Amino acid sequence: MPFKFGLEIHGAKELKKRFRVDIPAAMDETIYRGVVLSTLLVEGDAKKYLTGQSMDSAQEKAFQLTGNTYLASSSLRRITANFSNTITHKILQLPPSRVEGSVGTNAVQARIHEVGGVIKAKYSPFLIFKTDDGLWRRVKEVTMPARPYLLPAIIKNEKNIYKLFESAFYKSLKTRGIN
């Protein structure tokens, strides 16, 4: 699920004239720093949501958006704790002055956890698994409810991401001698 937003600076000409600052260079630094910090923030919270730590309003909103209810078991927490180690971020610098950041995983179970769905037996007649009560089950298919972890991390941090960019811009100006 892509998350995009824009950043617009008003008064760049006035800043350049008043402080004799290279605004494009300051913006390049700001954007890069903002993207890095934003992806780290979302990555950290996605890992927390995935390991079943207490649900907050962002996760509740994500469940409302997907139309699912939260279900967690001790075995799910163990599985997702290992899965959470696969969540990472990536930063791409693209010309001219464009930076993209992404948070995600290449784990095969990622999508089913985020959006839910039906898992069907593929290479044998049945899916066989052990439940929390210690019993083994044999079924042809199982419906997994959504357990979003990326969407709530984005929802929770949307305002924080804008603040990170603002802070990065002021820090960039400060390194150029403007307080």
Foldseek 3Di string as FASTA:
>chain_A
DDDDDDDDDPPPVVCCVVVVDPVLVLLLQLVVQLQVVLQVQLLVQLLVLQLPDDDDPLQVVLCVVLVHDDDDDPVSNVVSNVVSVQWDKDWDQDPPSDIDMDIDGPDPCGVCQARWAKDADDPDQWDWDADPVGDIDTHGMDTRHHSRRNRSSCVVCVVVSVVSSVVSSVVSVVVVVDD
